[in-house]
Each structure stands twice: as structure tokens, then as C-alpha cells.
Amino acid sequence: MNSKAFRESTVKLLRRVISPWMEEGIVSRDEFNAIFTYCSALAKSGAGPPEVKPKFIRGPEAAELLAISYAEFRKLEAEGVFPFKRRVFGKNVRYYFPDIVEFMQAGGQNVDSKNEEMTRNE
């Protein structure tokens, strides 16, 4: 299937059709996100999303993926914002790359909006 056979407007239509099913519990949020991650990639490039290599990355690399500073990443991790956990190997702390990608694909809370919300509440 080429990208012209599967357009972005088709993805939007599917999203509108399947959203009520997710709200009713017929389709789980994880399934919904997986469907639209794949469909969006298919519409943009004509192929599914690239495979995520299972590897462990350091904290600064995880922060860079999330587009925040490492200090902010550590602060938010301590507050329990992220669903993924750290792995300790001796003195080294690592994060499982597929867990971070899954968090981002699932539309994980926008870290910046979380910070703005906390600032307003103070």
C-alpha cells in the first residue's frame, strides 16, 4: 500500500469512528494508540512505524528524547510523573528505551504542561 492509497484524512476519519468505541470500552486506550501510531506512520511514509530496539539508555538520553533538561527529568521522575522505572546496574542507572517510546506514543502527559500546572497551583 503506498502513501497515496492511505491518506491523513483517512486516519482522521478512522479516529472519529473508533473514538466512541474507546469511550465505551470496546477498544482499550492502548489499542487505540497502537492503531493510530501505525496508521499515522502508514499515511506519512507508506510503511509502519520503525521497530524500537530493546536497549537501555542513560538519564540524559531519556531527557533528550522527552525534550526536557536532565535536571527537570530527575525532578519529574522523583515526583512520579513517568510510568517507566529506572533500572540500576551497579552504580549505573538506565531506562528501558521501549518503555520511554511507549510513554511518548501513548501521548504521555506533556511534561511542560504539567510544570505549568504545578507553577499555577503554588
PDB file of N, CA and C in Angstrom:
ATOM      1  N   MET A   1       0.852  -1.170   0.000  1.00  0.00           N
ATOM      2  CA  MET A   1       0.000   0.000   0.000  1.00  0.00           C
ATOM      3  C   MET A   1       0.899   1.235   0.000  1.00  0.00           C
ATOM      4  N   ASN A   2       0.697   2.142  -0.919  1.00  0.00           N
ATOM      5  CA  ASN A   2       1.520   3.345  -0.939  1.00  0.00           C
ATOM      6  C   ASN A   2       0.840   4.457  -0.152  1.00  0.00           C
ATOM      7  N   SER A   3       1.565   5.556   0.062  1.00  0.00           N
ATOM      8  CA  SER A   3       1.043   6.629   0.902  1.00  0.00           C
ATOM      9  C   SER A   3      -0.162   7.313   0.278  1.00  0.00           C
ATOM     10  N   LYS A   4      -0.315   7.261  -1.051  1.00  0.00           N
ATOM     11  CA  LYS A   4      -1.474   7.878  -1.695  1.00  0.00           C
ATOM     12  C   LYS A   4      -2.737   7.052  -1.476  1.00  0.00           C
ATOM     13  N   ALA A   5      -2.592   5.752  -1.260  1.00  0.00           N
ATOM     14  CA  ALA A   5      -3.749   4.894  -1.033  1.00  0.00           C
ATOM     15  C   ALA A   5      -4.275   5.041   0.397  1.00  0.00           C
ATOM     16  N   PHE A   6      -3.458   5.536   1.297  1.00  0.00           N
ATOM     17  CA  PHE A   6      -3.843   5.694   2.705  1.00  0.00           C
ATOM     18  C   PHE A   6      -3.465   7.107   3.111  1.00  0.00           C
ATOM     19  N   ARG A   7      -4.435   7.997   3.134  1.00  0.00           N
ATOM     20  CA  ARG A   7      -4.167   9.415   3.362  1.00  0.00           C
ATOM     21  C   ARG A   7      -4.377   9.811   4.823  1.00  0.00           C
ATOM     22  N   GLU A   8      -3.880  10.985   5.160  1.00  0.00           N
ATOM     23  CA  GLU A   8      -4.039  11.524   6.510  1.00  0.00           C
ATOM     24  C   GLU A   8      -5.519  11.744   6.831  1.00  0.00           C
ATOM     25  N   SER A   9      -6.307  12.127   5.833  1.00  0.00           N
ATOM     26  CA  SER A   9      -7.748  12.319   6.061  1.00  0.00           C
ATOM     27  C   SER A   9      -8.429  10.994   6.431  1.00  0.00           C
ATOM     28  N   THR A  10      -7.909   9.889   5.915  1.00  0.00           N
ATOM     29  CA  THR A  10      -8.443   8.572   6.273  1.00  0.00           C
ATOM     30  C   THR A  10      -8.162   8.276   7.740  1.00  0.00           C
ATOM     31  N   VAL A  11      -6.967   8.656   8.204  1.00  0.00           N
ATOM     32  CA  VAL A  11      -6.605   8.463   9.609  1.00  0.00           C
ATOM     33  C   VAL A  11      -7.548   9.271  10.497  1.00  0.00           C
ATOM     34  N   LYS A  12      -7.832  10.515  10.112  1.00  0.00           N
ATOM     35  CA  LYS A  12      -8.741  11.360  10.900  1.00  0.00           C
ATOM     36  C   LYS A  12     -10.143  10.757  10.953  1.00  0.00           C
ATOM     37  N   LEU A  13     -10.602  10.239   9.835  1.00  0.00           N
ATOM     38  CA  LEU A  13     -11.920   9.606   9.793  1.00  0.00           C
ATOM     39  C   LEU A  13     -11.960   8.378  10.710  1.00  0.00           C
ATOM     40  N   LEU A  14     -10.936   7.538  10.624  1.00  0.00           N
ATOM     41  CA  LEU A  14     -10.871   6.357  11.490  1.00  0.00           C
ATOM     42  C   LEU A  14     -10.863   6.747  12.962  1.00  0.00           C
ATOM     43  N   ARG A  15     -10.131   7.806  13.279  1.00  0.00           N
ATOM     44  CA  ARG A  15     -10.060   8.273  14.668  1.00  0.00           C
ATOM     45  C   ARG A  15     -11.462   8.655  15.162  1.00  0.00           C
ATOM     46  N   ARG A  16     -12.219   9.367  14.324  1.00  0.00           N
ATOM     47  CA  ARG A  16     -13.571   9.780  14.726  1.00  0.00           C
ATOM     48  C   ARG A  16     -14.505   8.581  14.860  1.00  0.00           C
ATOM     49  N   VAL A  17     -14.313   7.579  14.029  1.00  0.00           N
ATOM     50  CA  VAL A  17     -15.167   6.390  14.083  1.00  0.00           C
ATOM     51  C   VAL A  17     -14.847   5.540  15.308  1.00  0.00           C
ATOM     52  N   ILE A  18     -13.570   5.380  15.621  1.00  0.00           N
ATOM     53  CA  ILE A  18     -13.165   4.471  16.694  1.00  0.00           C
ATOM     54  C   ILE A  18     -13.197   5.129  18.074  1.00  0.00           C
ATOM     55  N   SER A  19     -13.115   6.450  18.159  1.00  0.00           N
ATOM     56  CA  SER A  19     -13.125   7.139  19.460  1.00  0.00           C
ATOM     57  C   SER A  19     -14.307   6.748  20.347  1.00  0.00           C
ATOM     58  N   PRO A  20     -15.528   6.716  19.825  1.00  0.00           N
ATOM     59  CA  PRO A  20     -16.646   6.295  20.694  1.00  0.00           C
ATOM     60  C   PRO A  20     -16.488   4.866  21.218  1.00  0.00           C
ATOM     61  N   TRP A  21     -15.884   4.001  20.419  1.00  0.00           N
ATOM     62  CA  TRP A  21     -15.650   2.631  20.869  1.00  0.00           C
ATOM     63  C   TRP A  21     -14.692   2.610  22.045  1.00  0.00           C
ATOM     64  N   MET A  22     -13.687   3.499  22.008  1.00  0.00           N
ATOM     65  CA  MET A  22     -12.744   3.569  23.115  1.00  0.00           C
ATOM     66  C   MET A  22     -13.462   4.081  24.365  1.00  0.00           C
ATOM     67  N   GLU A  23     -14.305   5.099  24.198  1.00  0.00           N
ATOM     68  CA  GLU A  23     -15.036   5.661  25.333  1.00  0.00           C
ATOM     69  C   GLU A  23     -15.981   4.636  25.958  1.00  0.00           C
ATOM     70  N   GLU A  24     -16.524   3.734  25.150  1.00  0.00           N
ATOM     71  CA  GLU A  24     -17.424   2.685  25.642  1.00  0.00           C
ATOM     72  C   GLU A  24     -16.658   1.485  26.206  1.00  0.00           C
ATOM     73  N   GLY A  25     -15.347   1.432  25.983  1.00  0.00           N
ATOM     74  CA  GLY A  25     -14.545   0.326  26.486  1.00  0.00           C
ATOM     75  C   GLY A  25     -14.438  -0.855  25.537  1.00  0.00           C
ATOM     76  N   ILE A  26     -14.962  -0.718  24.335  1.00  0.00           N
ATOM     77  CA  ILE A  26     -14.868  -1.794  23.344  1.00  0.00           C
ATOM     78  C   ILE A  26     -13.423  -1.932  22.866  1.00  0.00           C
ATOM     79  N   VAL A  27     -12.759  -0.794  22.700  1.00  0.00           N
ATOM     80  CA  VAL A  27     -11.348  -0.747  22.311  1.00  0.00           C
ATOM     81  C   VAL A  27     -10.598  -0.072  23.452  1.00  0.00           C
ATOM     82  N   SER A  28      -9.522  -0.699  23.943  1.00  0.00           N
ATOM     83  CA  SER A  28      -8.762  -0.093  25.046  1.00  0.00           C
ATOM     84  C   SER A  28      -7.954   1.099  24.539  1.00  0.00           C
ATOM     85  N   ARG A  29      -7.531   1.955  25.464  1.00  0.00           N
ATOM     86  CA  ARG A  29      -6.726   3.123  25.086  1.00  0.00           C
ATOM     87  C   ARG A  29      -5.414   2.677  24.451  1.00  0.00           C
ATOM     88  N   ASP A  30      -4.814   1.612  24.971  1.00  0.00           N
ATOM     89  CA  ASP A  30      -3.560   1.111  24.393  1.00  0.00           C
ATOM     90  C   ASP A  30      -3.768   0.645  22.954  1.00  0.00           C
ATOM     91  N   GLU A  31      -4.869  -0.059  22.709  1.00  0.00           N
ATOM     92  CA  GLU A  31      -5.169  -0.500  21.340  1.00  0.00           C
ATOM     93  C   GLU A  31      -5.410   0.706  20.432  1.00  0.00           C
ATOM     94  N   PHE A  32      -6.157   1.672  20.939  1.00  0.00           N
ATOM     95  CA  PHE A  32      -6.457   2.890  20.187  1.00  0.00           C
ATOM     96  C   PHE A  32      -5.163   3.601  19.793  1.00  0.00           C
ATOM     97  N   ASN A  33      -4.255   3.769  20.766  1.00  0.00           N
ATOM     98  CA  ASN A  33      -2.984   4.440  20.483  1.00  0.00           C
ATOM     99  C   ASN A  33      -2.133   3.644  19.501  1.00  0.00           C
ATOM    100  N   ALA A  34      -2.117   2.322  19.647  1.00  0.00           N
ATOM    101  CA  ALA A  34      -1.334   1.490  18.729  1.00  0.00           C
ATOM    102  C   ALA A  34      -1.881   1.583  17.308  1.00  0.00           C
ATOM    103  N   ILE A  35      -3.196   1.571  17.180  1.00  0.00           N
ATOM    104  CA  ILE A  35      -3.820   1.674  15.855  1.00  0.00           C
ATOM    105  C   ILE A  35      -3.407   2.972  15.181  1.00  0.00           C
ATOM    106  N   PHE A  36      -3.480   4.082  15.911  1.00  0.00           N
ATOM    107  CA  PHE A  36      -3.222   5.364  15.271  1.00  0.00           C
ATOM    108  C   PHE A  36      -1.744   5.692  15.137  1.00  0.00           C
ATOM    109  N   THR A  37      -0.906   5.088  15.950  1.00  0.00           N
ATOM    110  CA  THR A  37       0.531   5.216  15.717  1.00  0.00           C
ATOM    111  C   THR A  37       0.875   4.556  14.387  1.00  0.00           C
ATOM    112  N   TYR A  38       0.333   3.354  14.179  1.00  0.00           N
ATOM    113  CA  TYR A  38       0.605   2.624  12.945  1.00  0.00           C
ATOM    114  C   TYR A  38      -0.026   3.315  11.740  1.00  0.00           C
ATOM    115  N   CYS A  39      -1.286   3.714  11.869  1.00  0.00           N
ATOM    116  CA  CYS A  39      -1.990   4.357  10.740  1.00  0.00           C
ATOM    117  C   CYS A  39      -1.332   5.676  10.339  1.00  0.00           C
ATOM    118  N   SER A  40      -0.928   6.473  11.320  1.00  0.00           N
ATOM    119  CA  SER A  40      -0.279   7.756  11.012  1.00  0.00           C
ATOM    120  C   SER A  40       1.038   7.538  10.284  1.00  0.00           C
ATOM    121  N   ALA A  41       1.820   6.565  10.759  1.00  0.00           N
ATOM    122  CA  ALA A  41       3.089   6.265  10.091  1.00  0.00           C
ATOM    123  C   ALA A  41       2.837   5.759   8.675  1.00  0.00           C
ATOM    124  N   LEU A  42       1.821   4.958   8.510  1.00  0.00           N
ATOM    125  CA  LEU A  42       1.487   4.418   7.196  1.00  0.00           C
ATOM    126  C   LEU A  42       1.076   5.526   6.234  1.00  0.00           C
ATOM    127  N   ALA A  43       0.294   6.484   6.715  1.00  0.00           N
ATOM    128  CA  ALA A  43      -0.143   7.591   5.860  1.00  0.00           C
ATOM    129  C   ALA A  43       1.018   8.508   5.492  1.00  0.00           C
ATOM    130  N   LYS A  44       1.963   8.704   6.421  1.00  0.00           N
ATOM    131  CA  LYS A  44       3.078   9.629   6.168  1.00  0.00           C
ATOM    132  C   LYS A  44       4.154   9.019   5.280  1.00  0.00           C
ATOM    133  N   SER A  45       4.511   7.763   5.561  1.00  0.00           N
ATOM    134  CA  SER A  45       5.658   7.189   4.857  1.00  0.00           C
ATOM    135  C   SER A  45       5.323   5.992   3.975  1.00  0.00           C
ATOM    136  N   GLY A  46       4.124   5.485   4.076  1.00  0.00           N
ATOM    137  CA  GLY A  46       3.768   4.303   3.299  1.00  0.00           C
ATOM    138  C   GLY A  46       4.226   3.013   3.949  1.00  0.00           C
ATOM    139  N   ALA A  47       4.797   3.100   5.142  1.00  0.00           N
ATOM    140  CA  ALA A  47       5.242   1.927   5.890  1.00  0.00           C
ATOM    141  C   ALA A  47       4.874   2.121   7.354  1.00  0.00           C
ATOM    142  N   GLY A  48       4.833   1.035   8.089  1.00  0.00           N
ATOM    143  CA  GLY A  48       4.523   1.120   9.512  1.00  0.00           C
ATOM    144  C   GLY A  48       5.627   1.829  10.276  1.00  0.00           C
ATOM    145  N   PRO A  49       5.413   2.066  11.570  1.00  0.00           N
ATOM    146  CA  PRO A  49       6.438   2.739  12.367  1.00  0.00           C
ATOM    147  C   PRO A  49       7.688   1.867  12.478  1.00  0.00           C
ATOM    148  N   PRO A  50       8.847   2.486  12.604  1.00  0.00           N
ATOM    149  CA  PRO A  50      10.076   1.702  12.715  1.00  0.00           C
ATOM    150  C   PRO A  50      10.098   0.903  14.020  1.00  0.00           C
ATOM    151  N   GLU A  51      10.779  -0.211  13.986  1.00  0.00           N
ATOM    152  CA  GLU A  51      10.915  -1.031  15.183  1.00  0.00           C
ATOM    153  C   GLU A  51      11.762  -0.301  16.219  1.00  0.00           C
ATOM    154  N   VAL A  52      11.390  -0.440  17.465  1.00  0.00           N
ATOM    155  CA  VAL A  52      12.144   0.160  18.559  1.00  0.00           C
ATOM    156  C   VAL A  52      13.078  -0.912  19.102  1.00  0.00           C
ATOM    157  N   LYS A  53      14.374  -0.623  19.060  1.00  0.00           N
ATOM    158  CA  LYS A  53      15.352  -1.593  19.533  1.00  0.00           C
ATOM    159  C   LYS A  53      15.311  -1.665  21.058  1.00  0.00           C
ATOM    160  N   PRO A  54      15.256  -2.879  21.607  1.00  0.00           N
ATOM    161  CA  PRO A  54      15.242  -3.005  23.063  1.00  0.00           C
ATOM    162  C   PRO A  54      16.638  -2.763  23.627  1.00  0.00           C
ATOM    163  N   LYS A  55      16.828  -1.605  24.216  1.00  0.00           N
ATOM    164  CA  LYS A  55      18.114  -1.275  24.815  1.00  0.00           C
ATOM    165  C   LYS A  55      17.872  -0.376  26.015  1.00  0.00           C
ATOM    166  N   PHE A  56      18.891  -0.225  26.822  1.00  0.00           N
ATOM    167  CA  PHE A  56      18.816   0.657  27.977  1.00  0.00           C
ATOM    168  C   PHE A  56      19.583   1.934  27.663  1.00  0.00           C
ATOM    169  N   ILE A  57      19.025   3.069  28.083  1.00  0.00           N
ATOM    170  CA  ILE A  57      19.687   4.349  27.838  1.00  0.00           C
ATOM    171  C   ILE A  57      19.901   5.081  29.158  1.00  0.00           C
ATOM    172  N   ARG A  58      20.822   6.006  29.139  1.00  0.00           N
ATOM    173  CA  ARG A  58      21.134   6.807  30.330  1.00  0.00           C
ATOM    174  C   ARG A  58      20.087   7.900  30.526  1.00  0.00           C
ATOM    175  N   GLY A  59      20.076   8.478  31.714  1.00  0.00           N
ATOM    176  CA  GLY A  59      19.134   9.545  32.044  1.00  0.00           C
ATOM    177  C   GLY A  59      19.196  10.741  31.107  1.00  0.00           C
ATOM    178  N   PRO A  60      20.402  11.266  30.798  1.00  0.00           N
ATOM    179  CA  PRO A  60      20.462  12.408  29.880  1.00  0.00           C
ATOM    180  C   PRO A  60      19.878  12.099  28.498  1.00  0.00           C
ATOM    181  N   GLU A  61      20.053  10.868  28.031  1.00  0.00           N
ATOM    182  CA  GLU A  61      19.475  10.489  26.738  1.00  0.00           C
ATOM    183  C   GLU A  61      17.947  10.430  26.826  1.00  0.00           C
ATOM    184  N   ALA A  62      17.436   9.918  27.942  1.00  0.00           N
ATOM    185  CA  ALA A  62      15.982   9.865  28.143  1.00  0.00           C
ATOM    186  C   ALA A  62      15.408  11.277  28.196  1.00  0.00           C
ATOM    187  N   ALA A  63      16.094  12.172  28.887  1.00  0.00           N
ATOM    188  CA  ALA A  63      15.641  13.564  28.974  1.00  0.00           C
ATOM    189  C   ALA A  63      15.625  14.208  27.592  1.00  0.00           C
ATOM    190  N   GLU A  64      16.641  13.936  26.802  1.00  0.00           N
ATOM    191  CA  GLU A  64      16.706  14.497  25.446  1.00  0.00           C
ATOM    192  C   GLU A  64      15.539  13.992  24.588  1.00  0.00           C
ATOM    193  N   LEU A  65      15.206  12.707  24.713  1.00  0.00           N
ATOM    194  CA  LEU A  65      14.060  12.157  23.978  1.00  0.00           C
ATOM    195  C   LEU A  65      12.762  12.867  24.354  1.00  0.00           C
ATOM    196  N   LEU A  66      12.636  13.226  25.619  1.00  0.00           N
ATOM    197  CA  LEU A  66      11.423  13.879  26.111  1.00  0.00           C
ATOM    198  C   LEU A  66      11.472  15.395  25.941  1.00  0.00           C
ATOM    199  N   ALA A  67      12.572  15.897  25.392  1.00  0.00           N
ATOM    200  CA  ALA A  67      12.755  17.328  25.116  1.00  0.00           C
ATOM    201  C   ALA A  67      12.699  18.172  26.385  1.00  0.00           C
ATOM    202  N   ILE A  68      13.345  17.671  27.441  1.00  0.00           N
ATOM    203  CA  ILE A  68      13.464  18.430  28.683  1.00  0.00           C
ATOM    204  C   ILE A  68      14.904  18.332  29.167  1.00  0.00           C
ATOM    205  N   SER A  69      15.264  19.183  30.114  1.00  0.00           N
ATOM    206  CA  SER A  69      16.624  19.130  30.653  1.00  0.00           C
ATOM    207  C   SER A  69      16.752  17.910  31.564  1.00  0.00           C
ATOM    208  N   TYR A  70      17.993  17.499  31.792  1.00  0.00           N
ATOM    209  CA  TYR A  70      18.224  16.342  32.652  1.00  0.00           C
ATOM    210  C   TYR A  70      17.797  16.648  34.087  1.00  0.00           C
ATOM    211  N   ALA A  71      18.041  17.874  34.547  1.00  0.00           N
ATOM    212  CA  ALA A  71      17.627  18.258  35.900  1.00  0.00           C
ATOM    213  C   ALA A  71      16.101  18.170  36.036  1.00  0.00           C
ATOM    214  N   GLU A  72      15.398  18.650  35.022  1.00  0.00           N
ATOM    215  CA  GLU A  72      13.935  18.584  35.034  1.00  0.00           C
ATOM    216  C   GLU A  72      13.465  17.129  34.989  1.00  0.00           C
ATOM    217  N   PHE A  73      14.142  16.306  34.203  1.00  0.00           N
ATOM    218  CA  PHE A  73      13.814  14.885  34.113  1.00  0.00           C
ATOM    219  C   PHE A  73      13.935  14.225  35.484  1.00  0.00           C
ATOM    220  N   ARG A  74      15.032  14.499  36.182  1.00  0.00           N
ATOM    221  CA  ARG A  74      15.246  13.914  37.513  1.00  0.00           C
ATOM    222  C   ARG A  74      14.185  14.380  38.502  1.00  0.00           C
ATOM    223  N   LYS A  75      13.834  15.660  38.429  1.00  0.00           N
ATOM    224  CA  LYS A  75      12.809  16.218  39.319  1.00  0.00           C
ATOM    225  C   LYS A  75      11.461  15.539  39.068  1.00  0.00           C
ATOM    226  N   LEU A  76      11.069  15.431  37.802  1.00  0.00           N
ATOM    227  CA  LEU A  76       9.785  14.821  37.462  1.00  0.00           C
ATOM    228  C   LEU A  76       9.759  13.328  37.793  1.00  0.00           C
ATOM    229  N   GLU A  77      10.897  12.676  37.636  1.00  0.00           N
ATOM    230  CA  GLU A  77      10.968  11.256  37.980  1.00  0.00           C
ATOM    231  C   GLU A  77      10.757  11.072  39.483  1.00  0.00           C
ATOM    232  N   ALA A  78      11.370  11.942  40.277  1.00  0.00           N
ATOM    233  CA  ALA A  78      11.216  11.873  41.728  1.00  0.00           C
ATOM    234  C   ALA A  78       9.762  12.119  42.145  1.00  0.00           C
ATOM    235  N   GLU A  79       9.046  12.936  41.374  1.00  0.00           N
ATOM    236  CA  GLU A  79       7.636  13.227  41.664  1.00  0.00           C
ATOM    237  C   GLU A  79       6.703  12.130  41.161  1.00  0.00           C
ATOM    238  N   GLY A  80       7.244  11.155  40.436  1.00  0.00           N
ATOM    239  CA  GLY A  80       6.444  10.034  39.953  1.00  0.00           C
ATOM    240  C   GLY A  80       5.619  10.327  38.717  1.00  0.00           C
ATOM    241  N   VAL A  81       6.051  11.281  37.904  1.00  0.00           N
ATOM    242  CA  VAL A  81       5.311  11.653  36.691  1.00  0.00           C
ATOM    243  C   VAL A  81       5.391  10.559  35.635  1.00  0.00           C
ATOM    244  N   PHE A  82       6.515   9.886  35.540  1.00  0.00           N
ATOM    245  CA  PHE A  82       6.732   8.909  34.475  1.00  0.00           C
ATOM    246  C   PHE A  82       6.303   7.510  34.908  1.00  0.00           C
ATOM    247  N   PRO A  83       5.651   6.756  34.011  1.00  0.00           N
ATOM    248  CA  PRO A  83       5.253   5.389  34.352  1.00  0.00           C
ATOM    249  C   PRO A  83       6.407   4.392  34.245  1.00  0.00           C
ATOM    250  N   PHE A  84       7.467   4.759  33.522  1.00  0.00           N
ATOM    251  CA  PHE A  84       8.586   3.833  33.363  1.00  0.00           C
ATOM    252  C   PHE A  84       9.516   3.940  34.568  1.00  0.00           C
ATOM    253  N   LYS A  85      10.165   2.847  34.868  1.00  0.00           N
ATOM    254  CA  LYS A  85      11.023   2.769  36.053  1.00  0.00           C
ATOM    255  C   LYS A  85      12.489   2.745  35.664  1.00  0.00           C
ATOM    256  N   ARG A  86      13.295   3.163  36.598  1.00  0.00           N
ATOM    257  CA  ARG A  86      14.744   3.111  36.396  1.00  0.00           C
ATOM    258  C   ARG A  86      15.249   1.709  36.703  1.00  0.00           C
ATOM    259  N   ARG A  87      16.318   1.341  36.054  1.00  0.00           N
ATOM    260  CA  ARG A  87      16.988   0.065  36.309  1.00  0.00           C
ATOM    261  C   ARG A  87      18.400   0.402  36.784  1.00  0.00           C
ATOM    262  N   VAL A  88      18.816  -0.232  37.848  1.00  0.00           N
ATOM    263  CA  VAL A  88      20.143   0.035  38.396  1.00  0.00           C
ATOM    264  C   VAL A  88      21.042  -1.156  38.096  1.00  0.00           C
ATOM    265  N   PHE A  89      22.171  -0.862  37.467  1.00  0.00           N
ATOM    266  CA  PHE A  89      23.191  -1.862  37.157  1.00  0.00           C
ATOM    267  C   PHE A  89      24.461  -1.430  37.878  1.00  0.00           C
ATOM    268  N   GLY A  90      24.674  -1.952  39.073  1.00  0.00           N
ATOM    269  CA  GLY A  90      25.814  -1.496  39.863  1.00  0.00           C
ATOM    270  C   GLY A  90      25.593  -0.051  40.275  1.00  0.00           C
ATOM    271  N   LYS A  91      26.467   0.843  39.821  1.00  0.00           N
ATOM    272  CA  LYS A  91      26.318   2.272  40.107  1.00  0.00           C
ATOM    273  C   LYS A  91      25.632   3.017  38.968  1.00  0.00           C
ATOM    274  N   ASN A  92      25.326   2.323  37.891  1.00  0.00           N
ATOM    275  CA  ASN A  92      24.737   2.959  36.711  1.00  0.00           C
ATOM    276  C   ASN A  92      23.215   2.841  36.713  1.00  0.00           C
ATOM    277  N   VAL A  93      22.557   3.945  36.411  1.00  0.00           N
ATOM    278  CA  VAL A  93      21.100   3.968  36.300  1.00  0.00           C
ATOM    279  C   VAL A  93      20.751   4.050  34.820  1.00  0.00           C
ATOM    280  N   ARG A  94      19.850   3.179  34.379  1.00  0.00           N
ATOM    281  CA  ARG A  94      19.435   3.151  32.980  1.00  0.00           C
ATOM    282  C   ARG A  94      17.911   3.077  32.901  1.00  0.00           C
ATOM    283  N   TYR A  95      17.404   3.442  31.729  1.00  0.00           N
ATOM    284  CA  TYR A  95      15.970   3.413  31.460  1.00  0.00           C
ATOM    285  C   TYR A  95      15.756   2.586  30.205  1.00  0.00           C
ATOM    286  N   TYR A  96      14.691   1.790  30.195  1.00  0.00           N
ATOM    287  CA  TYR A  96      14.413   0.905  29.072  1.00  0.00           C
ATOM    288  C   TYR A  96      13.812   1.728  27.937  1.00  0.00           C
ATOM    289  N   PHE A  97      14.527   1.814  26.831  1.00  0.00           N
ATOM    290  CA  PHE A  97      14.153   2.658  25.697  1.00  0.00           C
ATOM    291  C   PHE A  97      12.725   2.399  25.196  1.00  0.00           C
ATOM    292  N   PRO A  98      12.311   1.127  24.988  1.00  0.00           N
ATOM    293  CA  PRO A  98      10.933   0.898  24.523  1.00  0.00           C
ATOM    294  C   PRO A  98       9.864   1.437  25.483  1.00  0.00           C
ATOM    295  N   ASP A  99      10.137   1.435  26.794  1.00  0.00           N
ATOM    296  CA  ASP A  99       9.178   1.990  27.753  1.00  0.00           C
ATOM    297  C   ASP A  99       9.002   3.491  27.546  1.00  0.00           C
ATOM    298  N   ILE A 100      10.092   4.188  27.277  1.00  0.00           N
ATOM    299  CA  ILE A 100      10.032   5.635  27.057  1.00  0.00           C
ATOM    300  C   ILE A 100       9.300   5.938  25.752  1.00  0.00           C
ATOM    301  N   VAL A 101       9.602   5.175  24.713  1.00  0.00           N
ATOM    302  CA  VAL A 101       8.929   5.373  23.425  1.00  0.00           C
ATOM    303  C   VAL A 101       7.435   5.099  23.571  1.00  0.00           C
ATOM    304  N   GLU A 102       7.083   4.056  24.297  1.00  0.00           N
ATOM    305  CA  GLU A 102       5.669   3.727  24.519  1.00  0.00           C
ATOM    306  C   GLU A 102       4.965   4.866  25.263  1.00  0.00           C
ATOM    307  N   PHE A 103       5.641   5.439  26.256  1.00  0.00           N
ATOM    308  CA  PHE A 103       5.093   6.577  27.001  1.00  0.00           C
ATOM    309  C   PHE A 103       4.836   7.753  26.065  1.00  0.00           C
ATOM    310  N   MET A 104       5.781   8.014  25.177  1.00  0.00           N
ATOM    311  CA  MET A 104       5.632   9.130  24.244  1.00  0.00           C
ATOM    312  C   MET A 104       4.522   8.845  23.227  1.00  0.00           C
ATOM    313  N   GLN A 105       4.445   7.627  22.710  1.00  0.00           N
ATOM    314  CA  GLN A 105       3.434   7.276  21.717  1.00  0.00           C
ATOM    315  C   GLN A 105       2.033   7.274  22.309  1.00  0.00           C
ATOM    316  N   ALA A 106       1.939   6.953  23.579  1.00  0.00           N
ATOM    317  CA  ALA A 106       0.634   6.924  24.235  1.00  0.00           C
ATOM    318  C   ALA A 106       0.162   8.328  24.574  1.00  0.00           C
ATOM    319  N   GLY A 107       0.929   9.310  24.122  1.00  0.00           N
ATOM    320  CA  GLY A 107       0.531  10.689  24.400  1.00  0.00           C
ATOM    321  C   GLY A 107       0.745  11.018  25.854  1.00  0.00           C
ATOM    322  N   GLY A 108       1.809  10.450  26.425  1.00  0.00           N
ATOM    323  CA  GLY A 108       2.126  10.710  27.817  1.00  0.00           C
ATOM    324  C   GLY A 108       1.964  12.176  28.121  1.00  0.00           C
ATOM    325  N   GLN A 109       1.581  12.478  29.331  1.00  0.00           N
ATOM    326  CA  GLN A 109       1.302  13.871  29.666  1.00  0.00           C
ATOM    327  C   GLN A 109       2.420  14.756  29.185  1.00  0.00           C
ATOM    328  N   ASN A 110       2.040  15.868  28.632  1.00  0.00           N
ATOM    329  CA  ASN A 110       3.027  16.847  28.191  1.00  0.00           C
ATOM    330  C   ASN A 110       3.747  17.353  29.432  1.00  0.00           C
ATOM    331  N   VAL A 111       5.020  17.090  29.510  1.00  0.00           N
ATOM    332  CA  VAL A 111       5.794  17.429  30.690  1.00  0.00           C
ATOM    333  C   VAL A 111       5.749  18.926  30.955  1.00  0.00           C
ATOM    334  N   ASP A 112       5.813  19.750  29.904  1.00  0.00           N
ATOM    335  CA  ASP A 112       5.783  21.197  30.089  1.00  0.00           C
ATOM    336  C   ASP A 112       4.452  21.648  30.672  1.00  0.00           C
ATOM    337  N   SER A 113       3.338  21.089  30.224  1.00  0.00           N
ATOM    338  CA  SER A 113       2.033  21.498  30.749  1.00  0.00           C
ATOM    339  C   SER A 113       1.899  21.077  32.205  1.00  0.00           C
ATOM    340  N   LYS A 114       2.503  19.951  32.583  1.00  0.00           N
ATOM    341  CA  LYS A 114       2.485  19.509  33.976  1.00  0.00           C
ATOM    342  C   LYS A 114       3.221  20.523  34.840  1.00  0.00           C
ATOM    343  N   ASN A 115       4.360  21.032  34.344  1.00  0.00           N
ATOM    344  CA  ASN A 115       5.121  22.026  35.092  1.00  0.00           C
ATOM    345  C   ASN A 115       4.341  23.321  35.229  1.00  0.00           C
ATOM    346  N   GLU A 116       3.684  23.765  34.152  1.00  0.00           N
ATOM    347  CA  GLU A 116       2.891  24.990  34.201  1.00  0.00           C
ATOM    348  C   GLU A 116       1.758  24.841  35.202  1.00  0.00           C
ATOM    349  N   GLU A 117       1.141  23.666  35.229  1.00  0.00           N
ATOM    350  CA  GLU A 117       0.045  23.404  36.146  1.00  0.00           C
ATOM    351  C   GLU A 117       0.534  23.475  37.586  1.00  0.00           C
ATOM    352  N   MET A 118       1.711  22.894  37.861  1.00  0.00           N
ATOM    353  CA  MET A 118       2.259  22.919  39.211  1.00  0.00           C
ATOM    354  C   MET A 118       2.609  24.344  39.607  1.00  0.00           C
ATOM    355  N   THR A 119       3.133  25.150  38.673  1.00  0.00           N
ATOM    356  CA  THR A 119       3.509  26.529  38.964  1.00  0.00           C
ATOM    357  C   THR A 119       2.269  27.351  39.295  1.00  0.00           C
ATOM    358  N   ARG A 120       1.178  27.146  38.568  1.00  0.00           N
ATOM    359  CA  ARG A 120      -0.063  27.884  38.821  1.00  0.00           C
ATOM    360  C   ARG A 120      -0.646  27.547  40.179  1.00  0.00           C
ATOM    361  N   ASN A 121      -0.494  26.302  40.624  1.00  0.00           N
ATOM    362  CA  ASN A 121      -1.077  25.872  41.894  1.00  0.00           C
ATOM    363  C   ASN A 121      -0.292  26.350  43.103  1.00  0.00           C
ATOM    364  N   GLU A 122       0.925  26.799  42.901  1.00  0.00           N
ATOM    365  CA  GLU A 122       1.762  27.219  44.034  1.00  0.00           C
ATOM    366  C   GLU A 122       1.440  28.608  44.491  1.00  0.00           C
TER     367      GLU A 122
END
